[in-house]
N, C-alpha and C. Protein backbone atom coordinates (compact mmCIF):
# COMPACT_ATOMS: atom_id res chain seq x y z
N GLN A 1 1.37 8.72 8.87
CA GLN A 1 1.15 9.95 8.01
C GLN A 1 0.65 11.19 8.90
N ASN A 2 -0.11 10.88 9.82
CA ASN A 2 -0.72 11.97 10.68
C ASN A 2 -0.27 11.96 11.98
N PHE A 3 1.09 11.83 12.33
CA PHE A 3 1.79 11.74 13.65
C PHE A 3 1.31 12.92 14.52
N ALA A 4 0.71 12.71 15.57
CA ALA A 4 0.11 13.68 16.46
C ALA A 4 0.97 14.35 17.36
N GLY A 5 2.26 13.99 17.37
CA GLY A 5 3.36 14.67 18.23
C GLY A 5 4.06 15.83 17.64
N ASP A 6 5.26 16.02 17.80
CA ASP A 6 6.05 17.07 17.28
C ASP A 6 5.86 17.22 15.75
N GLU A 7 5.61 18.29 15.27
CA GLU A 7 5.29 18.42 13.81
C GLU A 7 6.54 18.29 13.01
N ALA A 8 7.79 18.49 13.55
CA ALA A 8 9.06 18.31 12.82
C ALA A 8 9.39 16.77 12.67
N VAL A 9 8.79 15.88 13.62
CA VAL A 9 8.96 14.49 13.59
C VAL A 9 7.93 13.97 12.56
N GLY A 10 6.83 14.57 12.48
CA GLY A 10 5.74 14.24 11.57
C GLY A 10 6.25 14.48 10.12
N ASP A 11 6.98 15.58 9.89
CA ASP A 11 7.53 15.81 8.63
C ASP A 11 8.48 14.75 8.20
N VAL A 12 9.31 14.18 9.16
CA VAL A 12 10.30 13.21 8.77
C VAL A 12 9.51 11.98 8.41
N LEU A 13 8.49 11.62 9.24
CA LEU A 13 7.69 10.37 8.95
C LEU A 13 6.98 10.32 7.63
N ARG A 14 6.51 11.60 7.31
CA ARG A 14 5.92 11.69 5.90
C ARG A 14 6.85 11.77 4.74
N GLU A 15 8.03 11.96 5.05
CA GLU A 15 9.03 12.16 3.98
C GLU A 15 9.15 10.59 3.16
N VAL A 16 8.96 10.63 1.94
CA VAL A 16 8.89 9.34 1.32
C VAL A 16 10.22 8.75 1.15
N ARG A 17 11.29 9.39 1.17
CA ARG A 17 12.59 8.92 1.19
C ARG A 17 13.05 8.31 2.61
N PHE A 18 12.37 8.77 3.63
CA PHE A 18 12.62 8.13 4.95
C PHE A 18 11.88 6.74 4.96
N ARG A 19 10.80 6.70 4.42
CA ARG A 19 9.92 5.54 4.42
C ARG A 19 10.68 4.41 3.53
N GLN A 20 11.08 4.93 2.46
CA GLN A 20 11.91 4.11 1.55
C GLN A 20 13.15 3.49 2.12
N ALA A 21 13.81 4.29 2.83
CA ALA A 21 15.01 3.88 3.54
C ALA A 21 14.71 2.83 4.68
N LEU A 22 13.48 2.96 5.40
CA LEU A 22 13.16 2.03 6.32
C LEU A 22 12.98 0.66 5.74
N SER A 23 12.37 0.70 4.56
CA SER A 23 12.07 -0.58 3.93
C SER A 23 13.37 -1.35 3.38
N LEU A 24 14.30 -0.53 2.82
CA LEU A 24 15.49 -1.00 2.39
C LEU A 24 16.47 -1.47 3.47
N ALA A 25 16.29 -0.98 4.59
CA ALA A 25 17.14 -1.37 5.66
C ALA A 25 16.81 -2.77 6.32
N LEU A 26 15.69 -3.20 5.94
CA LEU A 26 15.21 -4.49 6.49
C LEU A 26 15.82 -5.65 5.77
N ASN A 27 16.42 -6.57 6.53
CA ASN A 27 16.81 -7.81 5.85
C ASN A 27 15.70 -8.86 6.06
N ARG A 28 14.81 -8.80 5.02
CA ARG A 28 13.67 -9.69 5.16
C ARG A 28 13.99 -11.27 5.16
N THR A 29 15.10 -11.64 4.42
CA THR A 29 15.53 -13.07 4.42
C THR A 29 15.87 -13.35 5.83
N GLU A 30 16.65 -12.60 6.58
CA GLU A 30 16.91 -12.93 7.84
C GLU A 30 15.86 -13.09 8.80
N ILE A 31 14.89 -12.00 8.70
CA ILE A 31 13.65 -12.13 9.49
C ILE A 31 12.88 -13.39 9.25
N ASN A 32 12.84 -13.77 7.90
CA ASN A 32 12.02 -14.98 7.51
C ASN A 32 12.82 -16.23 8.22
N ASP A 33 14.17 -16.14 8.08
CA ASP A 33 14.76 -17.33 8.61
C ASP A 33 14.60 -17.49 10.08
N ILE A 34 14.64 -16.42 10.91
CA ILE A 34 14.60 -16.50 12.32
C ILE A 34 13.12 -16.67 12.75
N ILE A 35 12.25 -15.94 12.18
CA ILE A 35 10.90 -15.85 12.79
C ILE A 35 10.06 -16.99 12.10
N ALA A 36 10.15 -17.27 10.77
CA ALA A 36 9.27 -18.22 10.14
C ALA A 36 10.07 -19.38 9.75
N LEU A 37 11.25 -19.62 10.30
CA LEU A 37 12.12 -20.87 9.84
C LEU A 37 12.23 -21.00 8.34
N GLY A 38 12.33 -19.90 7.63
CA GLY A 38 12.59 -19.93 6.24
C GLY A 38 11.26 -20.19 5.48
N GLN A 39 10.07 -20.32 6.04
CA GLN A 39 8.89 -20.77 5.30
C GLN A 39 8.12 -19.65 4.66
N GLY A 40 8.53 -18.45 4.96
CA GLY A 40 7.86 -17.20 4.50
C GLY A 40 8.51 -16.88 3.09
N GLU A 41 7.90 -15.71 2.67
CA GLU A 41 8.48 -15.13 1.39
C GLU A 41 8.56 -13.65 1.51
N PRO A 42 9.77 -12.96 1.39
CA PRO A 42 9.80 -11.52 1.46
C PRO A 42 8.84 -10.87 0.50
N PHE A 43 8.11 -9.96 1.07
CA PHE A 43 7.11 -9.40 0.20
C PHE A 43 6.67 -8.13 0.79
N GLN A 44 6.28 -7.13 -0.09
CA GLN A 44 5.83 -5.75 0.49
C GLN A 44 4.34 -5.91 0.99
N ALA A 45 3.97 -4.86 1.82
CA ALA A 45 2.68 -4.78 2.39
C ALA A 45 1.71 -4.18 1.34
N THR A 46 1.15 -5.14 0.69
CA THR A 46 0.27 -4.77 -0.57
C THR A 46 -0.85 -5.77 -0.62
N VAL A 47 -1.66 -5.47 -1.70
CA VAL A 47 -2.70 -6.56 -2.00
C VAL A 47 -2.13 -7.88 -2.28
N SER A 48 -2.93 -8.95 -2.00
CA SER A 48 -2.53 -10.28 -2.25
C SER A 48 -2.28 -10.47 -3.85
N PRO A 49 -1.33 -11.33 -4.11
CA PRO A 49 -1.20 -11.67 -5.69
C PRO A 49 -2.38 -12.38 -6.23
N THR A 50 -3.38 -12.87 -5.56
CA THR A 50 -4.46 -13.33 -6.05
C THR A 50 -5.47 -12.36 -6.46
N ALA A 51 -5.33 -11.18 -6.18
CA ALA A 51 -6.18 -10.19 -6.60
C ALA A 51 -6.12 -9.99 -8.25
N SER A 52 -7.20 -9.55 -8.72
CA SER A 52 -7.30 -9.46 -10.21
C SER A 52 -6.45 -8.45 -10.86
N PHE A 53 -6.27 -7.53 -10.01
CA PHE A 53 -5.50 -6.24 -10.50
C PHE A 53 -4.05 -6.18 -9.98
N TYR A 54 -3.52 -7.31 -9.24
CA TYR A 54 -2.23 -7.33 -8.77
C TYR A 54 -1.17 -7.12 -9.73
N GLN A 55 -0.11 -6.42 -9.41
CA GLN A 55 1.06 -6.17 -10.26
C GLN A 55 2.32 -6.67 -9.58
N ASP A 56 3.11 -7.34 -10.16
CA ASP A 56 4.33 -8.04 -9.62
C ASP A 56 5.19 -6.94 -8.98
N ALA A 57 5.25 -5.75 -9.53
CA ALA A 57 6.13 -4.68 -8.95
C ALA A 57 5.73 -4.30 -7.54
N TRP A 58 4.40 -4.45 -7.19
CA TRP A 58 3.94 -3.96 -5.91
C TRP A 58 4.57 -4.99 -4.72
N GLY A 59 4.60 -6.26 -5.05
CA GLY A 59 5.00 -7.14 -4.04
C GLY A 59 6.52 -7.18 -3.77
N SER A 60 7.34 -6.74 -4.84
CA SER A 60 8.75 -6.70 -4.68
C SER A 60 9.23 -5.29 -4.36
N TYR A 61 8.43 -4.24 -4.34
CA TYR A 61 8.82 -2.82 -4.24
C TYR A 61 9.77 -2.76 -3.05
N LEU A 62 11.04 -2.29 -3.17
CA LEU A 62 11.92 -2.01 -2.18
C LEU A 62 11.91 -3.08 -1.07
N THR A 63 11.88 -4.31 -1.50
CA THR A 63 12.08 -5.41 -0.50
C THR A 63 13.51 -5.95 -0.46
N GLU A 64 14.32 -5.40 -1.43
CA GLU A 64 15.71 -5.91 -1.30
C GLU A 64 16.46 -5.26 -0.19
N TYR A 65 17.32 -5.96 0.48
CA TYR A 65 18.14 -5.49 1.59
C TYR A 65 19.26 -4.61 1.02
N ASP A 66 19.15 -3.35 1.25
CA ASP A 66 20.31 -2.42 0.64
C ASP A 66 20.39 -1.40 1.65
N PRO A 67 21.20 -1.60 2.74
CA PRO A 67 21.47 -0.45 3.64
C PRO A 67 22.28 0.57 3.03
N GLU A 68 23.07 0.35 2.04
CA GLU A 68 23.92 1.43 1.49
C GLU A 68 22.94 2.47 0.81
N ARG A 69 21.96 1.92 0.15
CA ARG A 69 20.97 2.85 -0.49
C ARG A 69 20.12 3.52 0.44
N ALA A 70 19.71 2.74 1.64
CA ALA A 70 18.92 3.39 2.66
C ALA A 70 19.73 4.59 3.32
N ASN A 71 21.11 4.37 3.58
CA ASN A 71 21.88 5.44 4.18
C ASN A 71 21.83 6.68 3.17
N ALA A 72 22.06 6.39 1.98
CA ALA A 72 22.11 7.56 0.96
C ALA A 72 20.88 8.32 1.00
N LEU A 73 19.68 7.63 1.14
CA LEU A 73 18.37 8.33 1.13
C LEU A 73 18.25 9.21 2.38
N LEU A 74 18.67 8.63 3.42
CA LEU A 74 18.61 9.57 4.88
C LEU A 74 19.60 10.70 4.65
N ASP A 75 20.64 10.52 4.11
CA ASP A 75 21.64 11.64 3.92
C ASP A 75 21.05 12.73 2.94
N GLU A 76 20.36 12.10 1.93
CA GLU A 76 19.77 13.15 0.84
C GLU A 76 18.79 13.92 1.43
N MET A 77 17.98 13.38 2.39
CA MET A 77 16.81 14.11 2.90
C MET A 77 17.14 14.99 3.98
N GLY A 78 18.37 15.06 4.43
CA GLY A 78 18.86 16.06 5.38
C GLY A 78 19.08 15.41 6.70
N MET A 79 19.17 14.04 6.91
CA MET A 79 19.41 13.48 8.04
C MET A 79 20.87 12.99 8.09
N ASN A 80 21.86 13.82 7.65
CA ASN A 80 23.21 13.48 7.46
C ASN A 80 24.18 13.80 8.53
N GLU A 81 23.53 14.55 9.55
CA GLU A 81 24.47 14.81 10.86
C GLU A 81 24.01 13.80 11.79
N ARG A 82 25.07 13.56 12.76
CA ARG A 82 24.86 12.53 13.79
C ARG A 82 25.40 13.16 15.12
N ASP A 83 24.83 12.52 16.20
CA ASP A 83 25.16 12.89 17.48
C ASP A 83 26.40 12.09 17.92
N ALA A 84 26.86 12.28 19.15
CA ALA A 84 28.04 11.84 19.59
C ALA A 84 28.07 10.26 19.63
N ASP A 85 26.82 9.61 19.70
CA ASP A 85 26.75 8.12 19.63
C ASP A 85 26.56 7.61 18.31
N GLY A 86 26.63 8.44 17.26
CA GLY A 86 26.56 7.99 15.89
C GLY A 86 25.08 7.89 15.39
N TYR A 87 24.05 8.45 16.04
CA TYR A 87 22.74 8.34 15.63
C TYR A 87 22.43 9.63 14.95
N ARG A 88 21.58 9.40 13.93
CA ARG A 88 21.25 10.48 13.08
C ARG A 88 20.36 11.63 13.86
N LEU A 89 20.59 12.88 13.36
CA LEU A 89 19.68 13.96 13.88
C LEU A 89 18.60 14.11 12.78
N ARG A 90 17.63 14.89 13.14
CA ARG A 90 16.60 15.32 12.24
C ARG A 90 17.14 16.45 11.36
N PRO A 91 16.51 16.63 10.27
CA PRO A 91 17.03 17.66 9.38
C PRO A 91 17.28 19.05 10.00
N ASP A 92 16.42 19.35 11.10
CA ASP A 92 16.64 20.65 11.76
C ASP A 92 17.63 20.66 12.82
N GLY A 93 18.44 19.38 12.95
CA GLY A 93 19.61 19.29 13.93
C GLY A 93 19.16 18.78 15.38
N GLU A 94 17.96 18.58 15.54
CA GLU A 94 17.49 18.10 16.84
C GLU A 94 17.64 16.60 16.90
N PRO A 95 17.77 15.91 18.10
CA PRO A 95 17.82 14.50 18.26
C PRO A 95 16.51 13.79 17.79
N PHE A 96 16.70 12.63 17.38
CA PHE A 96 15.60 11.77 16.72
C PHE A 96 15.69 10.53 17.26
N THR A 97 14.45 10.00 17.82
CA THR A 97 14.27 8.62 18.23
C THR A 97 13.00 8.06 17.49
N LEU A 98 13.12 6.93 16.89
CA LEU A 98 12.03 6.31 16.18
C LEU A 98 11.39 5.18 17.20
N VAL A 99 10.13 5.48 17.40
CA VAL A 99 9.45 4.53 18.40
C VAL A 99 8.58 3.60 17.62
N ILE A 100 8.88 2.23 17.90
CA ILE A 100 7.95 1.16 17.23
C ILE A 100 6.98 0.74 18.29
N SER A 101 5.70 1.03 18.14
CA SER A 101 4.63 0.70 19.04
C SER A 101 4.29 -0.81 18.62
N ASN A 102 4.44 -1.82 19.45
CA ASN A 102 4.29 -3.15 19.03
C ASN A 102 3.33 -3.88 19.97
N VAL A 103 2.37 -4.42 19.36
CA VAL A 103 1.36 -5.36 19.94
C VAL A 103 2.00 -6.79 19.90
N PRO A 104 2.39 -7.31 20.98
CA PRO A 104 2.99 -8.57 20.86
C PRO A 104 2.18 -9.78 20.19
N ASP A 105 0.91 -9.60 20.46
CA ASP A 105 -0.03 -10.86 19.88
C ASP A 105 -0.35 -10.57 18.41
N ALA A 106 0.12 -9.35 17.95
CA ALA A 106 0.03 -9.02 16.45
C ALA A 106 1.27 -9.27 15.77
N VAL A 107 2.37 -8.87 16.40
CA VAL A 107 3.72 -9.14 15.74
C VAL A 107 4.61 -9.60 16.82
N PRO A 108 5.32 -10.66 16.65
CA PRO A 108 6.26 -11.30 17.70
C PRO A 108 7.26 -10.33 18.12
N ALA A 109 7.53 -10.16 19.47
CA ALA A 109 8.40 -9.21 20.03
C ALA A 109 9.82 -9.44 19.43
N LYS A 110 10.21 -10.76 19.09
CA LYS A 110 11.52 -10.92 18.47
C LYS A 110 11.61 -10.18 17.09
N MET A 111 10.52 -10.32 16.39
CA MET A 111 10.49 -9.60 15.08
C MET A 111 10.74 -8.14 15.22
N ALA A 112 10.02 -7.46 16.10
CA ALA A 112 10.10 -6.08 16.30
C ALA A 112 11.61 -5.77 16.77
N GLU A 113 12.21 -6.61 17.54
CA GLU A 113 13.59 -6.26 18.02
C GLU A 113 14.56 -6.49 16.81
N LEU A 114 14.26 -7.38 15.93
CA LEU A 114 15.00 -7.58 14.70
C LEU A 114 15.06 -6.22 13.87
N VAL A 115 13.64 -5.69 13.66
CA VAL A 115 13.47 -4.49 12.94
C VAL A 115 14.30 -3.38 13.52
N ARG A 116 14.15 -3.25 14.84
CA ARG A 116 14.88 -2.28 15.66
C ARG A 116 16.30 -2.25 15.23
N GLY A 117 16.91 -3.38 15.22
CA GLY A 117 18.43 -3.66 15.07
C GLY A 117 18.78 -3.14 13.66
N PHE A 118 18.10 -3.43 12.65
CA PHE A 118 18.19 -3.06 11.24
C PHE A 118 18.22 -1.50 11.15
N TRP A 119 17.19 -0.92 11.78
CA TRP A 119 17.13 0.52 11.65
C TRP A 119 18.20 1.24 12.40
N GLN A 120 18.60 0.68 13.56
CA GLN A 120 19.75 1.19 14.23
C GLN A 120 21.00 0.97 13.40
N ASP A 121 21.09 0.16 12.59
CA ASP A 121 22.32 -0.18 11.73
C ASP A 121 22.53 0.94 10.72
N ILE A 122 21.43 1.66 10.42
CA ILE A 122 21.62 2.75 9.42
C ILE A 122 21.43 4.10 10.19
N GLY A 123 21.76 4.09 11.53
CA GLY A 123 21.91 5.32 12.19
C GLY A 123 20.68 5.86 12.73
N LEU A 124 19.55 5.15 12.85
CA LEU A 124 18.33 5.71 13.35
C LEU A 124 18.13 5.09 14.89
N ARG A 125 18.23 6.00 15.84
CA ARG A 125 18.01 5.48 17.27
C ARG A 125 16.59 5.03 17.32
N THR A 126 16.34 3.85 17.71
CA THR A 126 15.08 3.17 17.57
C THR A 126 14.79 2.48 18.87
N THR A 127 13.59 2.55 19.40
CA THR A 127 13.16 1.89 20.58
C THR A 127 11.83 1.08 20.23
N VAL A 128 11.65 -0.02 20.96
CA VAL A 128 10.36 -0.76 20.78
C VAL A 128 9.62 -0.68 22.06
N ARG A 129 8.39 -0.27 21.98
CA ARG A 129 7.37 0.03 23.00
C ARG A 129 6.33 -1.10 22.96
N ALA A 130 6.32 -2.07 23.89
CA ALA A 130 5.25 -3.00 23.84
C ALA A 130 3.94 -2.21 24.26
N THR A 131 2.91 -2.47 23.46
CA THR A 131 1.68 -1.73 23.57
C THR A 131 0.47 -2.58 23.70
N GLU A 132 -0.40 -2.57 24.64
CA GLU A 132 -1.58 -3.32 24.75
C GLU A 132 -2.46 -3.02 23.66
N ARG A 133 -3.18 -4.06 23.16
CA ARG A 133 -4.02 -3.93 21.92
C ARG A 133 -5.07 -2.72 22.03
N SER A 134 -5.79 -2.64 23.07
CA SER A 134 -6.79 -1.66 23.10
C SER A 134 -6.18 -0.14 23.13
N LEU A 135 -4.91 -0.09 23.83
CA LEU A 135 -4.40 1.29 23.64
C LEU A 135 -3.92 1.58 22.23
N MET A 136 -3.48 0.50 21.53
CA MET A 136 -2.97 0.82 20.22
C MET A 136 -4.05 1.03 19.25
N GLU A 137 -5.21 0.44 19.50
CA GLU A 137 -6.35 0.78 18.66
C GLU A 137 -6.86 2.25 18.96
N GLU A 138 -6.62 2.76 20.19
CA GLU A 138 -6.87 4.20 20.44
C GLU A 138 -5.96 5.04 19.63
N GLN A 139 -4.68 4.53 19.71
CA GLN A 139 -3.67 5.45 19.05
C GLN A 139 -3.85 5.36 17.49
N PHE A 140 -4.38 4.32 16.93
CA PHE A 140 -4.60 4.17 15.54
C PHE A 140 -5.65 5.43 15.17
N THR A 141 -6.61 5.65 16.05
CA THR A 141 -7.48 6.77 15.94
C THR A 141 -6.90 8.09 15.97
N SER A 142 -6.08 8.30 17.01
CA SER A 142 -5.49 9.54 17.36
C SER A 142 -4.27 9.98 16.63
N GLY A 143 -3.66 8.95 16.10
CA GLY A 143 -2.39 9.29 15.38
C GLY A 143 -1.16 9.42 16.34
N ASP A 144 -1.33 8.97 17.58
CA ASP A 144 -0.27 9.21 18.58
C ASP A 144 0.62 8.04 18.48
N PHE A 145 1.20 7.81 17.41
CA PHE A 145 2.34 6.73 17.24
C PHE A 145 3.10 7.08 15.98
N MET A 146 4.39 6.48 15.95
CA MET A 146 5.25 6.72 14.87
C MET A 146 5.21 5.53 13.90
N VAL A 147 5.46 4.36 14.44
CA VAL A 147 5.55 3.04 13.67
C VAL A 147 4.73 2.04 14.42
N ALA A 148 3.90 1.32 13.76
CA ALA A 148 3.14 0.31 14.53
C ALA A 148 3.39 -1.07 13.81
N GLY A 149 3.78 -2.08 14.54
CA GLY A 149 3.76 -3.38 13.92
C GLY A 149 2.45 -4.01 13.92
N TRP A 150 1.98 -4.60 12.87
CA TRP A 150 0.70 -5.23 12.76
C TRP A 150 0.60 -6.19 11.72
N ALA A 151 -0.17 -7.25 11.68
CA ALA A 151 -0.21 -8.31 10.73
C ALA A 151 -0.92 -7.77 9.62
N MET A 152 -0.41 -7.99 8.29
CA MET A 152 -1.05 -7.51 7.06
C MET A 152 -2.11 -8.69 6.74
N ASP A 153 -3.28 -8.56 7.38
CA ASP A 153 -4.37 -9.65 7.22
C ASP A 153 -5.53 -9.37 6.54
N GLY A 154 -5.52 -8.30 5.77
CA GLY A 154 -6.71 -7.88 5.21
C GLY A 154 -6.42 -7.46 3.49
N ALA A 155 -5.59 -8.29 2.98
CA ALA A 155 -5.06 -7.92 1.68
C ALA A 155 -5.71 -8.53 0.50
N SER A 156 -6.75 -9.34 0.72
CA SER A 156 -7.39 -10.03 -0.40
C SER A 156 -8.19 -9.10 -1.18
N GLU A 157 -8.62 -9.40 -2.36
CA GLU A 157 -9.27 -8.55 -3.29
C GLU A 157 -10.66 -8.07 -2.62
N GLU A 158 -11.40 -8.97 -1.94
CA GLU A 158 -12.54 -8.63 -1.31
C GLU A 158 -12.36 -7.65 -0.23
N SER A 159 -11.37 -7.87 0.57
CA SER A 159 -11.26 -6.89 1.77
C SER A 159 -10.81 -5.41 1.23
N VAL A 160 -10.11 -5.48 0.09
CA VAL A 160 -9.80 -4.12 -0.57
C VAL A 160 -10.88 -3.47 -1.20
N ARG A 161 -11.78 -4.24 -1.68
CA ARG A 161 -12.95 -3.59 -2.42
C ARG A 161 -14.08 -3.21 -1.51
N ILE A 162 -14.22 -4.03 -0.43
CA ILE A 162 -15.37 -3.72 0.50
C ILE A 162 -14.88 -2.72 1.48
N GLY A 163 -15.57 -1.62 1.36
CA GLY A 163 -15.32 -0.37 2.14
C GLY A 163 -15.04 -0.60 3.60
N ALA A 164 -15.91 -1.23 4.37
CA ALA A 164 -15.83 -1.36 5.79
C ALA A 164 -14.50 -2.10 6.26
N ASN A 165 -14.03 -2.94 5.47
CA ASN A 165 -12.85 -3.81 5.72
C ASN A 165 -11.54 -3.34 5.12
N SER A 166 -11.64 -2.31 4.25
CA SER A 166 -10.51 -2.10 3.39
C SER A 166 -9.37 -1.28 4.12
N TYR A 167 -8.16 -1.52 3.77
CA TYR A 167 -7.11 -0.65 4.29
C TYR A 167 -7.20 0.85 4.00
N LEU A 168 -7.95 1.16 2.96
CA LEU A 168 -8.12 2.61 2.60
C LEU A 168 -9.11 3.26 3.71
N GLU A 169 -10.09 2.48 4.13
CA GLU A 169 -11.03 3.06 5.04
C GLU A 169 -10.82 2.63 6.49
N GLY A 170 -9.84 1.59 6.66
CA GLY A 170 -9.44 1.37 8.08
C GLY A 170 -8.60 2.63 8.58
N TRP A 171 -7.66 3.03 7.79
CA TRP A 171 -6.99 4.32 7.87
C TRP A 171 -6.15 4.61 9.18
N GLN A 172 -5.66 3.31 9.69
CA GLN A 172 -4.74 3.60 10.84
C GLN A 172 -3.51 4.41 10.34
N TRP A 173 -3.31 4.43 9.17
CA TRP A 173 -2.01 5.12 8.69
C TRP A 173 -2.18 6.64 8.48
N ALA A 174 -3.58 7.10 8.54
CA ALA A 174 -3.78 8.47 8.38
C ALA A 174 -5.25 8.77 8.98
N PRO A 175 -5.25 8.79 10.27
CA PRO A 175 -6.57 8.96 10.93
C PRO A 175 -7.27 10.41 10.66
N LYS A 176 -6.44 11.45 10.56
CA LYS A 176 -6.91 12.79 10.39
C LYS A 176 -7.44 12.98 8.96
N TRP A 177 -6.73 12.36 8.03
CA TRP A 177 -7.18 12.35 6.70
C TRP A 177 -8.57 11.67 6.59
N ASN A 178 -8.57 10.54 7.28
CA ASN A 178 -9.77 9.64 7.24
C ASN A 178 -10.96 10.36 7.69
N ALA A 179 -10.75 11.05 8.85
CA ALA A 179 -11.89 11.93 9.40
C ALA A 179 -12.32 12.91 8.39
N TRP A 180 -11.40 13.53 7.61
CA TRP A 180 -11.75 14.64 6.65
C TRP A 180 -12.55 14.00 5.50
N PHE A 181 -12.04 12.82 5.00
CA PHE A 181 -12.62 12.20 4.03
C PHE A 181 -14.05 11.61 4.37
N SER A 182 -14.19 11.04 5.56
CA SER A 182 -15.44 10.36 6.06
C SER A 182 -16.49 11.41 6.32
N SER A 183 -16.03 12.70 6.76
CA SER A 183 -17.20 13.72 6.98
C SER A 183 -17.30 14.65 5.97
N GLY A 184 -16.73 14.48 4.83
CA GLY A 184 -16.99 15.44 3.69
C GLY A 184 -16.23 16.72 3.89
N GLY A 185 -15.14 16.64 4.70
CA GLY A 185 -14.46 17.88 4.94
C GLY A 185 -14.75 18.60 6.14
N ALA A 186 -15.78 18.17 6.95
CA ALA A 186 -16.24 18.90 8.12
C ALA A 186 -15.21 18.68 9.31
N ASP A 187 -14.53 17.54 9.44
CA ASP A 187 -13.64 17.24 10.53
C ASP A 187 -12.20 16.78 9.87
N GLY A 188 -11.31 16.55 10.81
CA GLY A 188 -10.06 16.12 10.53
C GLY A 188 -9.18 17.13 9.74
N GLN A 189 -8.44 16.55 8.90
CA GLN A 189 -7.31 17.45 8.15
C GLN A 189 -7.30 17.09 6.72
N GLU A 190 -7.40 18.22 5.90
CA GLU A 190 -7.47 17.93 4.48
C GLU A 190 -6.20 17.29 3.94
N PRO A 191 -6.18 16.20 3.25
CA PRO A 191 -4.98 15.43 2.83
C PRO A 191 -4.36 16.26 1.62
N PRO A 192 -3.23 16.02 1.24
CA PRO A 192 -2.52 16.56 0.14
C PRO A 192 -3.23 16.13 -1.12
N ALA A 193 -2.95 16.93 -2.27
CA ALA A 193 -3.44 16.75 -3.56
C ALA A 193 -3.41 15.19 -4.07
N GLU A 194 -2.25 14.64 -3.84
CA GLU A 194 -2.07 13.25 -4.43
C GLU A 194 -2.93 12.20 -3.66
N VAL A 195 -3.09 12.44 -2.32
CA VAL A 195 -4.06 11.61 -1.58
C VAL A 195 -5.50 11.70 -1.83
N ARG A 196 -5.86 13.00 -2.13
CA ARG A 196 -7.21 13.30 -2.41
C ARG A 196 -7.56 12.61 -3.81
N ARG A 197 -6.66 12.63 -4.69
CA ARG A 197 -6.81 12.03 -5.98
C ARG A 197 -6.89 10.44 -5.77
N MET A 198 -6.03 9.91 -4.97
CA MET A 198 -6.06 8.47 -4.64
C MET A 198 -7.58 8.16 -4.09
N LEU A 199 -8.02 8.98 -3.19
CA LEU A 199 -9.45 8.62 -2.69
C LEU A 199 -10.57 8.78 -3.76
N GLU A 200 -10.30 9.80 -4.68
CA GLU A 200 -11.20 9.88 -5.72
C GLU A 200 -11.27 8.57 -6.54
N LEU A 201 -10.12 8.03 -6.79
CA LEU A 201 -10.06 6.92 -7.67
C LEU A 201 -10.60 5.63 -6.90
N TYR A 202 -10.38 5.66 -5.57
CA TYR A 202 -10.98 4.63 -4.78
C TYR A 202 -12.35 4.63 -4.92
N ARG A 203 -12.99 5.75 -4.60
CA ARG A 203 -14.41 5.86 -4.68
C ARG A 203 -14.92 5.40 -6.20
């Protein structure tokens, strides 16, 4: 949400239709079959179903494999033009490459490559950058990454409720907003109204 590079790329990454398209483009059944030998279950990155407040709609949200809908969302948000190789351009007409920063001991390299393939299938030029864990942790703080592969290992009710371990206060997804929130507005970047409201509800 707080990509530290090109602002136009940051606008693409923050666009909800872009993020929805990325989810719909993933064939989770194929990933499960190849990576987990069919032992897993397609599921959205959300709180565990064991949490008292869990809702079924959260776990299944946009987990279906629907590349047609994914393509439509990207067209709708203005990424309908393509380069000579068939890859989508940014809404401003400039080339676009999506970079997956992947820590191999957090997410198998083969999984990252499968994800790369699915996103290229909907016209998004995508590359995987193997990233050492300590560097990735620095980038989580700076926002100097586009997409990061990581295990969803803190989704229990306790980890969501306990501030130091929660994904709301871990904030790899929005370090500048985290700095603003943690400092009472003295540092970082003020989040949009809907995010401020989310934080108020969280508190």
